[in-house]
Amino acid sequence: MFIFLALLAEIAGTVGGFGSSLFFVPVASYFLDFPSVLGITALFHVSSNLSKIAFFRKGIDVMLIIYLGIPAVLFVIAGAWLTQFIATRILEMILSVFLIIISLFFYISKTRKYHPLS
């Protein structure tokens, strides 16, 4: 059941353009503890990004990797480290509040246009 729901969450997130974590994290939280959910989510992201790099290697923007990739990796490492010291319930609440706030932000400012870095 978990694998089926995880696959549906990944497909819905990718097709919907939200990113797979938006659906996968809540689904996986019903079956696994929070650190395991974060680990599996990281594996999904790594495999997804490696396949994108393989398919679109000619269009890789090095500045985008510097501006987004390096901070993302650093914050993932910091987040994984924090799971040792902060209660799982608190981390789940922080993630929930963040997802609600970012969803509201994009919903309210849906007419605003975002341009790529250049």
PDB file of N, CA and C in Angstrom:
ATOM      1  N   MET A   1       0.824  -1.190   0.000  1.00  0.00           N
ATOM      2  CA  MET A   1       0.000   0.000   0.000  1.00  0.00           C
ATOM      3  C   MET A   1       0.870   1.258   0.000  1.00  0.00           C
ATOM      4  N   PHE A   2       1.951   1.204   0.812  1.00  0.00           N
ATOM      5  CA  PHE A   2       2.838   2.369   0.889  1.00  0.00           C
ATOM      6  C   PHE A   2       3.456   2.687  -0.465  1.00  0.00           C
ATOM      7  N   ILE A   3       3.959   1.680  -1.148  1.00  0.00           N
ATOM      8  CA  ILE A   3       4.611   1.901  -2.443  1.00  0.00           C
ATOM      9  C   ILE A   3       3.616   2.463  -3.452  1.00  0.00           C
ATOM     10  N   PHE A   4       2.395   1.937  -3.461  1.00  0.00           N
ATOM     11  CA  PHE A   4       1.370   2.436  -4.377  1.00  0.00           C
ATOM     12  C   PHE A   4       1.042   3.898  -4.097  1.00  0.00           C
ATOM     13  N   LEU A   5       0.815   4.242  -2.825  1.00  0.00           N
ATOM     14  CA  LEU A   5       0.503   5.624  -2.474  1.00  0.00           C
ATOM     15  C   LEU A   5       1.687   6.554  -2.723  1.00  0.00           C
ATOM     16  N   ALA A   6       2.909   6.059  -2.481  1.00  0.00           N
ATOM     17  CA  ALA A   6       4.098   6.874  -2.750  1.00  0.00           C
ATOM     18  C   ALA A   6       4.210   7.162  -4.244  1.00  0.00           C
ATOM     19  N   LEU A   7       3.951   6.160  -5.061  1.00  0.00           N
ATOM     20  CA  LEU A   7       3.988   6.355  -6.513  1.00  0.00           C
ATOM     21  C   LEU A   7       2.934   7.365  -6.950  1.00  0.00           C
ATOM     22  N   LEU A   8       1.718   7.239  -6.430  1.00  0.00           N
ATOM     23  CA  LEU A   8       0.668   8.210  -6.765  1.00  0.00           C
ATOM     24  C   LEU A   8       1.046   9.626  -6.325  1.00  0.00           C
ATOM     25  N   ALA A   9       1.620   9.743  -5.139  1.00  0.00           N
ATOM     26  CA  ALA A   9       2.027  11.058  -4.634  1.00  0.00           C
ATOM     27  C   ALA A   9       3.116  11.660  -5.512  1.00  0.00           C
ATOM     28  N   GLU A  10       4.071  10.855  -5.926  1.00  0.00           N
ATOM     29  CA  GLU A  10       5.148  11.342  -6.793  1.00  0.00           C
ATOM     30  C   GLU A  10       4.604  11.784  -8.142  1.00  0.00           C
ATOM     31  N   ILE A  11       3.713  11.001  -8.713  1.00  0.00           N
ATOM     32  CA  ILE A  11       3.132  11.351 -10.015  1.00  0.00           C
ATOM     33  C   ILE A  11       2.294  12.617  -9.896  1.00  0.00           C
ATOM     34  N   ALA A  12       1.437  12.693  -8.884  1.00  0.00           N
ATOM     35  CA  ALA A  12       0.577  13.865  -8.708  1.00  0.00           C
ATOM     36  C   ALA A  12       1.401  15.128  -8.477  1.00  0.00           C
ATOM     37  N   GLY A  13       2.435  15.031  -7.671  1.00  0.00           N
ATOM     38  CA  GLY A  13       3.276  16.197  -7.403  1.00  0.00           C
ATOM     39  C   GLY A  13       4.045  16.645  -8.625  1.00  0.00           C
ATOM     40  N   THR A  14       4.555  15.693  -9.388  1.00  0.00           N
ATOM     41  CA  THR A  14       5.336  16.035 -10.581  1.00  0.00           C
ATOM     42  C   THR A  14       4.440  16.608 -11.670  1.00  0.00           C
ATOM     43  N   VAL A  15       3.329  15.941 -11.947  1.00  0.00           N
ATOM     44  CA  VAL A  15       2.414  16.397 -12.990  1.00  0.00           C
ATOM     45  C   VAL A  15       1.777  17.734 -12.601  1.00  0.00           C
ATOM     46  N   GLY A  16       1.447  17.873 -11.326  1.00  0.00           N
ATOM     47  CA  GLY A  16       0.823  19.106 -10.861  1.00  0.00           C
ATOM     48  C   GLY A  16       1.772  20.286 -10.798  1.00  0.00           C
ATOM     49  N   GLY A  17       3.068  20.014 -10.846  1.00  0.00           N
ATOM     50  CA  GLY A  17       4.051  21.085 -10.813  1.00  0.00           C
ATOM     51  C   GLY A  17       4.379  21.573  -9.415  1.00  0.00           C
ATOM     52  N   PHE A  18       3.886  20.889  -8.393  1.00  0.00           N
ATOM     53  CA  PHE A  18       4.122  21.321  -7.020  1.00  0.00           C
ATOM     54  C   PHE A  18       5.434  20.800  -6.470  1.00  0.00           C
ATOM     55  N   GLY A  19       5.914  19.759  -7.041  1.00  0.00           N
ATOM     56  CA  GLY A  19       7.036  19.041  -6.465  1.00  0.00           C
ATOM     57  C   GLY A  19       6.491  17.837  -5.726  1.00  0.00           C
ATOM     58  N   SER A  20       7.183  16.760  -5.818  1.00  0.00           N
ATOM     59  CA  SER A  20       6.675  15.503  -5.284  1.00  0.00           C
ATOM     60  C   SER A  20       6.561  15.490  -3.766  1.00  0.00           C
ATOM     61  N   SER A  21       7.362  16.250  -3.078  1.00  0.00           N
ATOM     62  CA  SER A  21       7.355  16.228  -1.608  1.00  0.00           C
ATOM     63  C   SER A  21       6.052  16.731  -1.021  1.00  0.00           C
ATOM     64  N   LEU A  22       5.383  17.599  -1.715  1.00  0.00           N
ATOM     65  CA  LEU A  22       4.154  18.176  -1.195  1.00  0.00           C
ATOM     66  C   LEU A  22       3.127  17.097  -0.886  1.00  0.00           C
ATOM     67  N   PHE A  23       3.061  16.071  -1.704  1.00  0.00           N
ATOM     68  CA  PHE A  23       2.125  14.975  -1.468  1.00  0.00           C
ATOM     69  C   PHE A  23       2.782  13.785  -0.781  1.00  0.00           C
ATOM     70  N   PHE A  24       4.050  13.541  -1.085  1.00  0.00           N
ATOM     71  CA  PHE A  24       4.700  12.352  -0.555  1.00  0.00           C
ATOM     72  C   PHE A  24       4.913  12.427   0.955  1.00  0.00           C
ATOM     73  N   VAL A  25       5.354  13.548   1.474  1.00  0.00           N
ATOM     74  CA  VAL A  25       5.671  13.655   2.905  1.00  0.00           C
ATOM     75  C   VAL A  25       4.444  13.352   3.784  1.00  0.00           C
ATOM     76  N   PRO A  26       3.274  13.938   3.514  1.00  0.00           N
ATOM     77  CA  PRO A  26       2.117  13.583   4.357  1.00  0.00           C
ATOM     78  C   PRO A  26       1.717  12.113   4.231  1.00  0.00           C
ATOM     79  N   VAL A  27       1.781  11.561   3.017  1.00  0.00           N
ATOM     80  CA  VAL A  27       1.425  10.149   2.830  1.00  0.00           C
ATOM     81  C   VAL A  27       2.408   9.249   3.570  1.00  0.00           C
ATOM     82  N   ALA A  28       3.694   9.515   3.405  1.00  0.00           N
ATOM     83  CA  ALA A  28       4.709   8.675   4.038  1.00  0.00           C
ATOM     84  C   ALA A  28       4.671   8.790   5.563  1.00  0.00           C
ATOM     85  N   SER A  29       4.232   9.925   6.074  1.00  0.00           N
ATOM     86  CA  SER A  29       4.169  10.123   7.527  1.00  0.00           C
ATOM     87  C   SER A  29       3.170   9.182   8.194  1.00  0.00           C
ATOM     88  N   TYR A  30       2.202   8.693   7.450  1.00  0.00           N
ATOM     89  CA  TYR A  30       1.256   7.720   8.011  1.00  0.00           C
ATOM     90  C   TYR A  30       1.907   6.356   8.234  1.00  0.00           C
ATOM     91  N   PHE A  31       2.963   6.065   7.477  1.00  0.00           N
ATOM     92  CA  PHE A  31       3.569   4.750   7.519  1.00  0.00           C
ATOM     93  C   PHE A  31       4.912   4.705   8.250  1.00  0.00           C
ATOM     94  N   LEU A  32       5.648   5.816   8.236  1.00  0.00           N
ATOM     95  CA  LEU A  32       7.023   5.822   8.741  1.00  0.00           C
ATOM     96  C   LEU A  32       7.246   6.960   9.721  1.00  0.00           C
ATOM     97  N   ASP A  33       8.332   6.874  10.490  1.00  0.00           N
ATOM     98  CA  ASP A  33       8.709   7.966  11.377  1.00  0.00           C
ATOM     99  C   ASP A  33       9.312   9.107  10.545  1.00  0.00           C
ATOM    100  N   PHE A  34       9.351  10.291  11.132  1.00  0.00           N
ATOM    101  CA  PHE A  34       9.742  11.499  10.401  1.00  0.00           C
ATOM    102  C   PHE A  34      11.160  11.438   9.822  1.00  0.00           C
ATOM    103  N   PRO A  35      12.181  10.990  10.572  1.00  0.00           N
ATOM    104  CA  PRO A  35      13.520  10.909   9.962  1.00  0.00           C
ATOM    105  C   PRO A  35      13.562   9.969   8.747  1.00  0.00           C
ATOM    106  N   SER A  36      12.811   8.883   8.792  1.00  0.00           N
ATOM    107  CA  SER A  36      12.761   7.973   7.641  1.00  0.00           C
ATOM    108  C   SER A  36      12.087   8.633   6.450  1.00  0.00           C
ATOM    109  N   VAL A  37      11.030   9.391   6.721  1.00  0.00           N
ATOM    110  CA  VAL A  37      10.334  10.111   5.646  1.00  0.00           C
ATOM    111  C   VAL A  37      11.294  11.104   4.985  1.00  0.00           C
ATOM    112  N   LEU A  38      12.054  11.819   5.807  1.00  0.00           N
ATOM    113  CA  LEU A  38      13.019  12.772   5.243  1.00  0.00           C
ATOM    114  C   LEU A  38      14.081  12.059   4.416  1.00  0.00           C
ATOM    115  N   GLY A  39      14.546  10.917   4.885  1.00  0.00           N
ATOM    116  CA  GLY A  39      15.558  10.163   4.152  1.00  0.00           C
ATOM    117  C   GLY A  39      15.044   9.656   2.817  1.00  0.00           C
ATOM    118  N   ILE A  40      13.837   9.098   2.809  1.00  0.00           N
ATOM    119  CA  ILE A  40      13.268   8.602   1.554  1.00  0.00           C
ATOM    120  C   ILE A  40      12.989   9.760   0.601  1.00  0.00           C
ATOM    121  N   THR A  41      12.517  10.880   1.132  1.00  0.00           N
ATOM    122  CA  THR A  41      12.286  12.062   0.294  1.00  0.00           C
ATOM    123  C   THR A  41      13.590  12.522  -0.345  1.00  0.00           C
ATOM    124  N   ALA A  42      14.668  12.508   0.423  1.00  0.00           N
ATOM    125  CA  ALA A  42      15.977  12.883  -0.124  1.00  0.00           C
ATOM    126  C   ALA A  42      16.393  11.931  -1.240  1.00  0.00           C
ATOM    127  N   LEU A  43      16.160  10.640  -1.049  1.00  0.00           N
ATOM    128  CA  LEU A  43      16.498   9.672  -2.108  1.00  0.00           C
ATOM    129  C   LEU A  43      15.668   9.914  -3.365  1.00  0.00           C
ATOM    130  N   PHE A  44      14.381  10.221  -3.197  1.00  0.00           N
ATOM    131  CA  PHE A  44      13.544  10.546  -4.356  1.00  0.00           C
ATOM    132  C   PHE A  44      14.083  11.770  -5.085  1.00  0.00           C
ATOM    133  N   HIS A  45      14.471  12.785  -4.334  1.00  0.00           N
ATOM    134  CA  HIS A  45      14.986  14.009  -4.961  1.00  0.00           C
ATOM    135  C   HIS A  45      16.300  13.753  -5.690  1.00  0.00           C
ATOM    136  N   VAL A  46      17.184  12.989  -5.069  1.00  0.00           N
ATOM    137  CA  VAL A  46      18.471  12.701  -5.706  1.00  0.00           C
ATOM    138  C   VAL A  46      18.263  11.934  -7.008  1.00  0.00           C
ATOM    139  N   SER A  47      17.431  10.890  -6.973  1.00  0.00           N
ATOM    140  CA  SER A  47      17.215  10.111  -8.193  1.00  0.00           C
ATOM    141  C   SER A  47      16.504  10.932  -9.262  1.00  0.00           C
ATOM    142  N   SER A  48      15.566  11.757  -8.854  1.00  0.00           N
ATOM    143  CA  SER A  48      14.866  12.624  -9.805  1.00  0.00           C
ATOM    144  C   SER A  48      15.826  13.628 -10.444  1.00  0.00           C
ATOM    145  N   ASN A  49      16.649  14.246  -9.619  1.00  0.00           N
ATOM    146  CA  ASN A  49      17.583  15.245 -10.141  1.00  0.00           C
ATOM    147  C   ASN A  49      18.659  14.620 -11.021  1.00  0.00           C
ATOM    148  N   LEU A  50      19.130  13.430 -10.670  1.00  0.00           N
ATOM    149  CA  LEU A  50      20.118  12.760 -11.519  1.00  0.00           C
ATOM    150  C   LEU A  50      19.536  12.408 -12.881  1.00  0.00           C
ATOM    151  N   SER A  51      18.279  11.988 -12.903  1.00  0.00           N
ATOM    152  CA  SER A  51      17.661  11.688 -14.196  1.00  0.00           C
ATOM    153  C   SER A  51      17.452  12.963 -15.014  1.00  0.00           C
ATOM    154  N   LYS A  52      17.100  14.068 -14.358  1.00  0.00           N
ATOM    155  CA  LYS A  52      16.952  15.340 -15.078  1.00  0.00           C
ATOM    156  C   LYS A  52      18.289  15.806 -15.635  1.00  0.00           C
ATOM    157  N   ILE A  53      19.355  15.644 -14.855  1.00  0.00           N
ATOM    158  CA  ILE A  53      20.687  16.025 -15.324  1.00  0.00           C
ATOM    159  C   ILE A  53      21.069  15.185 -16.541  1.00  0.00           C
ATOM    160  N   ALA A  54      20.755  13.890 -16.493  1.00  0.00           N
ATOM    161  CA  ALA A  54      21.085  13.006 -17.611  1.00  0.00           C
ATOM    162  C   ALA A  54      20.312  13.406 -18.871  1.00  0.00           C
ATOM    163  N   PHE A  55      19.039  13.759 -18.712  1.00  0.00           N
ATOM    164  CA  PHE A  55      18.225  14.117 -19.875  1.00  0.00           C
ATOM    165  C   PHE A  55      18.541  15.508 -20.420  1.00  0.00           C
ATOM    166  N   PHE A  56      18.839  16.453 -19.538  1.00  0.00           N
ATOM    167  CA  PHE A  56      18.979  17.846 -19.952  1.00  0.00           C
ATOM    168  C   PHE A  56      20.367  18.402 -19.668  1.00  0.00           C
ATOM    169  N   ARG A  57      21.400  17.600 -19.812  1.00  0.00           N
ATOM    170  CA  ARG A  57      22.750  18.029 -19.435  1.00  0.00           C
ATOM    171  C   ARG A  57      23.271  19.198 -20.267  1.00  0.00           C
ATOM    172  N   LYS A  58      22.757  19.375 -21.471  1.00  0.00           N
ATOM    173  CA  LYS A  58      23.226  20.488 -22.307  1.00  0.00           C
ATOM    174  C   LYS A  58      22.688  21.832 -21.825  1.00  0.00           C
ATOM    175  N   GLY A  59      21.596  21.818 -21.088  1.00  0.00           N
ATOM    176  CA  GLY A  59      20.995  23.066 -20.641  1.00  0.00           C
ATOM    177  C   GLY A  59      21.279  23.404 -19.193  1.00  0.00           C
ATOM    178  N   ILE A  60      22.292  22.788 -18.604  1.00  0.00           N
ATOM    179  CA  ILE A  60      22.589  23.035 -17.188  1.00  0.00           C
ATOM    180  C   ILE A  60      23.136  24.450 -17.013  1.00  0.00           C
ATOM    181  N   ASP A  61      22.559  25.166 -16.065  1.00  0.00           N
ATOM    182  CA  ASP A  61      22.985  26.525 -15.749  1.00  0.00           C
ATOM    183  C   ASP A  61      23.822  26.478 -14.466  1.00  0.00           C
ATOM    184  N   VAL A  62      25.104  26.740 -14.590  1.00  0.00           N
ATOM    185  CA  VAL A  62      26.020  26.644 -13.454  1.00  0.00           C
ATOM    186  C   VAL A  62      25.652  27.657 -12.362  1.00  0.00           C
ATOM    187  N   MET A  63      25.218  28.830 -12.734  1.00  0.00           N
ATOM    188  CA  MET A  63      24.854  29.837 -11.733  1.00  0.00           C
ATOM    189  C   MET A  63      23.635  29.389 -10.928  1.00  0.00           C
ATOM    190  N   LEU A  64      22.718  28.693 -11.570  1.00  0.00           N
ATOM    191  CA  LEU A  64      21.563  28.176 -10.855  1.00  0.00           C
ATOM    192  C   LEU A  64      21.991  27.140  -9.820  1.00  0.00           C
ATOM    193  N   ILE A  65      22.949  26.329 -10.167  1.00  0.00           N
ATOM    194  CA  ILE A  65      23.482  25.354  -9.212  1.00  0.00           C
ATOM    195  C   ILE A  65      24.132  26.066  -8.032  1.00  0.00           C
ATOM    196  N   ILE A  66      24.860  27.128  -8.311  1.00  0.00           N
ATOM    197  CA  ILE A  66      25.516  27.881  -7.239  1.00  0.00           C
ATOM    198  C   ILE A  66      24.490  28.566  -6.339  1.00  0.00           C
ATOM    199  N   TYR A  67      23.482  29.217  -6.941  1.00  0.00           N
ATOM    200  CA  TYR A  67      22.499  29.966  -6.151  1.00  0.00           C
ATOM    201  C   TYR A  67      21.496  29.082  -5.423  1.00  0.00           C
ATOM    202  N   LEU A  68      21.100  27.967  -6.019  1.00  0.00           N
ATOM    203  CA  LEU A  68      20.074  27.129  -5.409  1.00  0.00           C
ATOM    204  C   LEU A  68      20.582  25.774  -4.922  1.00  0.00           C
ATOM    205  N   GLY A  69      21.446  25.146  -5.687  1.00  0.00           N
ATOM    206  CA  GLY A  69      21.899  23.796  -5.368  1.00  0.00           C
ATOM    207  C   GLY A  69      22.743  23.724  -4.117  1.00  0.00           C
ATOM    208  N   ILE A  70      23.739  24.571  -4.023  1.00  0.00           N
ATOM    209  CA  ILE A  70      24.631  24.535  -2.863  1.00  0.00           C
ATOM    210  C   ILE A  70      23.892  24.885  -1.568  1.00  0.00           C
ATOM    211  N   PRO A  71      23.089  25.973  -1.543  1.00  0.00           N
ATOM    212  CA  PRO A  71      22.331  26.228  -0.307  1.00  0.00           C
ATOM    213  C   PRO A  71      21.352  25.096   0.031  1.00  0.00           C
ATOM    214  N   ALA A  72      20.755  24.489  -0.974  1.00  0.00           N
ATOM    215  CA  ALA A  72      19.818  23.391  -0.719  1.00  0.00           C
ATOM    216  C   ALA A  72      20.527  22.228  -0.036  1.00  0.00           C
ATOM    217  N   VAL A  73      21.689  21.867  -0.524  1.00  0.00           N
ATOM    218  CA  VAL A  73      22.444  20.761   0.079  1.00  0.00           C
ATOM    219  C   VAL A  73      22.849  21.119   1.510  1.00  0.00           C
ATOM    220  N   LEU A  74      23.303  22.342   1.729  1.00  0.00           N
ATOM    221  CA  LEU A  74      23.704  22.757   3.070  1.00  0.00           C
ATOM    222  C   LEU A  74      22.530  22.727   4.049  1.00  0.00           C
ATOM    223  N   PHE A  75      21.362  23.189   3.609  1.00  0.00           N
ATOM    224  CA  PHE A  75      20.200  23.189   4.490  1.00  0.00           C
ATOM    225  C   PHE A  75      19.665  21.785   4.736  1.00  0.00           C
ATOM    226  N   VAL A  76      19.792  20.895   3.756  1.00  0.00           N
ATOM    227  CA  VAL A  76      19.394  19.503   3.981  1.00  0.00           C
ATOM    228  C   VAL A  76      20.293  18.869   5.040  1.00  0.00           C
ATOM    229  N   ILE A  77      21.579  19.119   4.950  1.00  0.00           N
ATOM    230  CA  ILE A  77      22.508  18.584   5.952  1.00  0.00           C
ATOM    231  C   ILE A  77      22.184  19.161   7.328  1.00  0.00           C
ATOM    232  N   ALA A  78      21.918  20.467   7.390  1.00  0.00           N
ATOM    233  CA  ALA A  78      21.573  21.098   8.672  1.00  0.00           C
ATOM    234  C   ALA A  78      20.270  20.521   9.221  1.00  0.00           C
ATOM    235  N   GLY A  79      19.281  20.316   8.356  1.00  0.00           N
ATOM    236  CA  GLY A  79      18.010  19.745   8.792  1.00  0.00           C
ATOM    237  C   GLY A  79      18.163  18.324   9.306  1.00  0.00           C
ATOM    238  N   ALA A  80      18.967  17.535   8.608  1.00  0.00           N
ATOM    239  CA  ALA A  80      19.203  16.161   9.057  1.00  0.00           C
ATOM    240  C   ALA A  80      19.912  16.155  10.404  1.00  0.00           C
ATOM    241  N   TRP A  81      20.826  17.058  10.597  1.00  0.00           N
ATOM    242  CA  TRP A  81      21.552  17.157  11.864  1.00  0.00           C
ATOM    243  C   TRP A  81      20.607  17.562  12.999  1.00  0.00           C
ATOM    244  N   LEU A  82      19.677  18.487  12.695  1.00  0.00           N
ATOM    245  CA  LEU A  82      18.737  18.949  13.721  1.00  0.00           C
ATOM    246  C   LEU A  82      17.788  17.858  14.197  1.00  0.00           C
ATOM    247  N   THR A  83      17.536  16.836  13.368  1.00  0.00           N
ATOM    248  CA  THR A  83      16.618  15.770  13.785  1.00  0.00           C
ATOM    249  C   THR A  83      17.146  14.999  14.993  1.00  0.00           C
ATOM    250  N   GLN A  84      18.432  15.140  15.270  1.00  0.00           N
ATOM    251  CA  GLN A  84      19.001  14.484  16.448  1.00  0.00           C
ATOM    252  C   GLN A  84      18.645  15.210  17.751  1.00  0.00           C
ATOM    253  N   PHE A  85      18.396  16.497  17.656  1.00  0.00           N
ATOM    254  CA  PHE A  85      18.258  17.327  18.848  1.00  0.00           C
ATOM    255  C   PHE A  85      16.849  17.877  19.083  1.00  0.00           C
ATOM    256  N   ILE A  86      16.052  17.953  18.041  1.00  0.00           N
ATOM    257  CA  ILE A  86      14.706  18.532  18.163  1.00  0.00           C
ATOM    258  C   ILE A  86      13.687  17.408  18.011  1.00  0.00           C
ATOM    259  N   ALA A  87      12.673  17.430  18.832  1.00  0.00           N
ATOM    260  CA  ALA A  87      11.648  16.390  18.804  1.00  0.00           C
ATOM    261  C   ALA A  87      10.983  16.322  17.437  1.00  0.00           C
ATOM    262  N   THR A  88      10.687  15.108  17.019  1.00  0.00           N
ATOM    263  CA  THR A  88      10.085  14.887  15.708  1.00  0.00           C
ATOM    264  C   THR A  88       8.779  15.645  15.562  1.00  0.00           C
ATOM    265  N   ARG A  89       7.983  15.673  16.597  1.00  0.00           N
ATOM    266  CA  ARG A  89       6.687  16.363  16.540  1.00  0.00           C
ATOM    267  C   ARG A  89       6.878  17.850  16.237  1.00  0.00           C
ATOM    268  N   ILE A  90       7.887  18.463  16.813  1.00  0.00           N
ATOM    269  CA  ILE A  90       8.155  19.888  16.564  1.00  0.00           C
ATOM    270  C   ILE A  90       8.578  20.090  15.112  1.00  0.00           C
ATOM    271  N   LEU A  91       9.435  19.224  14.597  1.00  0.00           N
ATOM    272  CA  LEU A  91       9.868  19.337  13.206  1.00  0.00           C
ATOM    273  C   LEU A  91       8.698  19.150  12.238  1.00  0.00           C
ATOM    274  N   GLU A  92       7.799  18.236  12.569  1.00  0.00           N
ATOM    275  CA  GLU A  92       6.620  18.033  11.731  1.00  0.00           C
ATOM    276  C   GLU A  92       5.746  19.287  11.727  1.00  0.00           C
ATOM    277  N   MET A  93       5.594  19.906  12.882  1.00  0.00           N
ATOM    278  CA  MET A  93       4.789  21.135  12.963  1.00  0.00           C
ATOM    279  C   MET A  93       5.430  22.270  12.182  1.00  0.00           C
ATOM    280  N   ILE A  94       6.751  22.393  12.281  1.00  0.00           N
ATOM    281  CA  ILE A  94       7.463  23.434  11.528  1.00  0.00           C
ATOM    282  C   ILE A  94       7.271  23.218  10.029  1.00  0.00           C
ATOM    283  N   LEU A  95       7.418  21.975   9.568  1.00  0.00           N
ATOM    284  CA  LEU A  95       7.218  21.674   8.155  1.00  0.00           C
ATOM    285  C   LEU A  95       5.785  21.969   7.735  1.00  0.00           C
ATOM    286  N   SER A  96       4.816  21.603   8.563  1.00  0.00           N
ATOM    287  CA  SER A  96       3.409  21.856   8.242  1.00  0.00           C
ATOM    288  C   SER A  96       3.124  23.344   8.107  1.00  0.00           C
ATOM    289  N   VAL A  97       3.610  24.124   9.061  1.00  0.00           N
ATOM    290  CA  VAL A  97       3.397  25.575   9.015  1.00  0.00           C
ATOM    291  C   VAL A  97       4.075  26.173   7.787  1.00  0.00           C
ATOM    292  N   PHE A  98       5.289  25.724   7.492  1.00  0.00           N
ATOM    293  CA  PHE A  98       5.992  26.225   6.308  1.00  0.00           C
ATOM    294  C   PHE A  98       5.209  25.929   5.034  1.00  0.00           C
ATOM    295  N   LEU A  99       4.718  24.703   4.885  1.00  0.00           N
ATOM    296  CA  LEU A  99       3.968  24.338   3.677  1.00  0.00           C
ATOM    297  C   LEU A  99       2.679  25.143   3.554  1.00  0.00           C
ATOM    298  N   ILE A 100       2.006  25.396   4.670  1.00  0.00           N
ATOM    299  CA  ILE A 100       0.785  26.201   4.631  1.00  0.00           C
ATOM    300  C   ILE A 100       1.106  27.630   4.242  1.00  0.00           C
ATOM    301  N   ILE A 101       2.143  28.210   4.820  1.00  0.00           N
ATOM    302  CA  ILE A 101       2.510  29.602   4.525  1.00  0.00           C
ATOM    303  C   ILE A 101       2.925  29.751   3.061  1.00  0.00           C
ATOM    304  N   ILE A 102       3.769  28.851   2.558  1.00  0.00           N
ATOM    305  CA  ILE A 102       4.224  28.975   1.172  1.00  0.00           C
ATOM    306  C   ILE A 102       3.062  28.756   0.206  1.00  0.00           C
ATOM    307  N   SER A 103       2.135  27.858   0.562  1.00  0.00           N
ATOM    308  CA  SER A 103       0.958  27.633  -0.284  1.00  0.00           C
ATOM    309  C   SER A 103       0.082  28.882  -0.331  1.00  0.00           C
ATOM    310  N   LEU A 104      -0.142  29.484   0.820  1.00  0.00           N
ATOM    311  CA  LEU A 104      -0.937  30.716   0.869  1.00  0.00           C
ATOM    312  C   LEU A 104      -0.263  31.846   0.104  1.00  0.00           C
ATOM    313  N   PHE A 105       1.052  31.950   0.234  1.00  0.00           N
ATOM    314  CA  PHE A 105       1.787  32.989  -0.472  1.00  0.00           C
ATOM    315  C   PHE A 105       1.606  32.853  -1.984  1.00  0.00           C
ATOM    316  N   PHE A 106       1.791  31.638  -2.501  1.00  0.00           N
ATOM    317  CA  PHE A 106       1.651  31.436  -3.944  1.00  0.00           C
ATOM    318  C   PHE A 106       0.191  31.563  -4.387  1.00  0.00           C
ATOM    319  N   TYR A 107      -0.747  31.200  -3.543  1.00  0.00           N
ATOM    320  CA  TYR A 107      -2.160  31.344  -3.893  1.00  0.00           C
ATOM    321  C   TYR A 107      -2.564  32.810  -3.949  1.00  0.00           C
ATOM    322  N   ILE A 108      -2.131  33.590  -2.966  1.00  0.00           N
ATOM    323  CA  ILE A 108      -2.491  35.009  -2.913  1.00  0.00           C
ATOM    324  C   ILE A 108      -1.807  35.793  -4.018  1.00  0.00           C
ATOM    325  N   SER A 109      -0.549  35.463  -4.315  1.00  0.00           N
ATOM    326  CA  SER A 109       0.195  36.215  -5.326  1.00  0.00           C
ATOM    327  C   SER A 109       0.252  35.454  -6.651  1.00  0.00           C
ATOM    328  N   LYS A 110      -0.850  34.773  -7.027  1.00  0.00           N
ATOM    329  CA  LYS A 110      -0.826  33.960  -8.235  1.00  0.00           C
ATOM    330  C   LYS A 110      -0.723  34.783  -9.511  1.00  0.00           C
ATOM    331  N   THR A 111      -1.031  36.080  -9.463  1.00  0.00           N
ATOM    332  CA  THR A 111      -0.897  36.910 -10.659  1.00  0.00           C
ATOM    333  C   THR A 111       0.512  37.480 -10.816  1.00  0.00           C
ATOM    334  N   ARG A 112       1.307  37.383  -9.768  1.00  0.00           N
ATOM    335  CA  ARG A 112       2.681  37.882  -9.833  1.00  0.00           C
ATOM    336  C   ARG A 112       3.529  36.966 -10.696  1.00  0.00           C
ATOM    337  N   LYS A 113       4.416  37.566 -11.472  1.00  0.00           N
ATOM    338  CA  LYS A 113       5.282  36.776 -12.351  1.00  0.00           C
ATOM    339  C   LYS A 113       6.671  36.702 -11.762  1.00  0.00           C
ATOM    340  N   TYR A 114       7.238  35.507 -11.780  1.00  0.00           N
ATOM    341  CA  TYR A 114       8.574  35.274 -11.259  1.00  0.00           C
ATOM    342  C   TYR A 114       9.483  34.987 -12.440  1.00  0.00           C
ATOM    343  N   HIS A 115      10.595  35.702 -12.497  1.00  0.00           N
ATOM    344  CA  HIS A 115      11.524  35.552 -13.612  1.00  0.00           C
ATOM    345  C   HIS A 115      12.734  34.770 -13.181  1.00  0.00           C
ATOM    346  N   PRO A 116      13.318  34.010 -14.099  1.00  0.00           N
ATOM    347  CA  PRO A 116      14.525  33.241 -13.750  1.00  0.00           C
ATOM    348  C   PRO A 116      15.695  34.164 -13.436  1.00  0.00           C
ATOM    349  N   LEU A 117      16.635  33.644 -12.659  1.00  0.00           N
ATOM    350  CA  LEU A 117      17.843  34.398 -12.348  1.00  0.00           C
ATOM    351  C   LEU A 117      18.644  34.611 -13.618  1.00  0.00           C
ATOM    352  N   SER A 118      19.195  35.788 -13.763  1.00  0.00           N
ATOM    353  CA  SER A 118      20.082  36.016 -14.928  1.00  0.00           C
ATOM    354  C   SER A 118      21.078  37.109 -14.632  1.00  0.00           C
TER     355      SER A 118
END
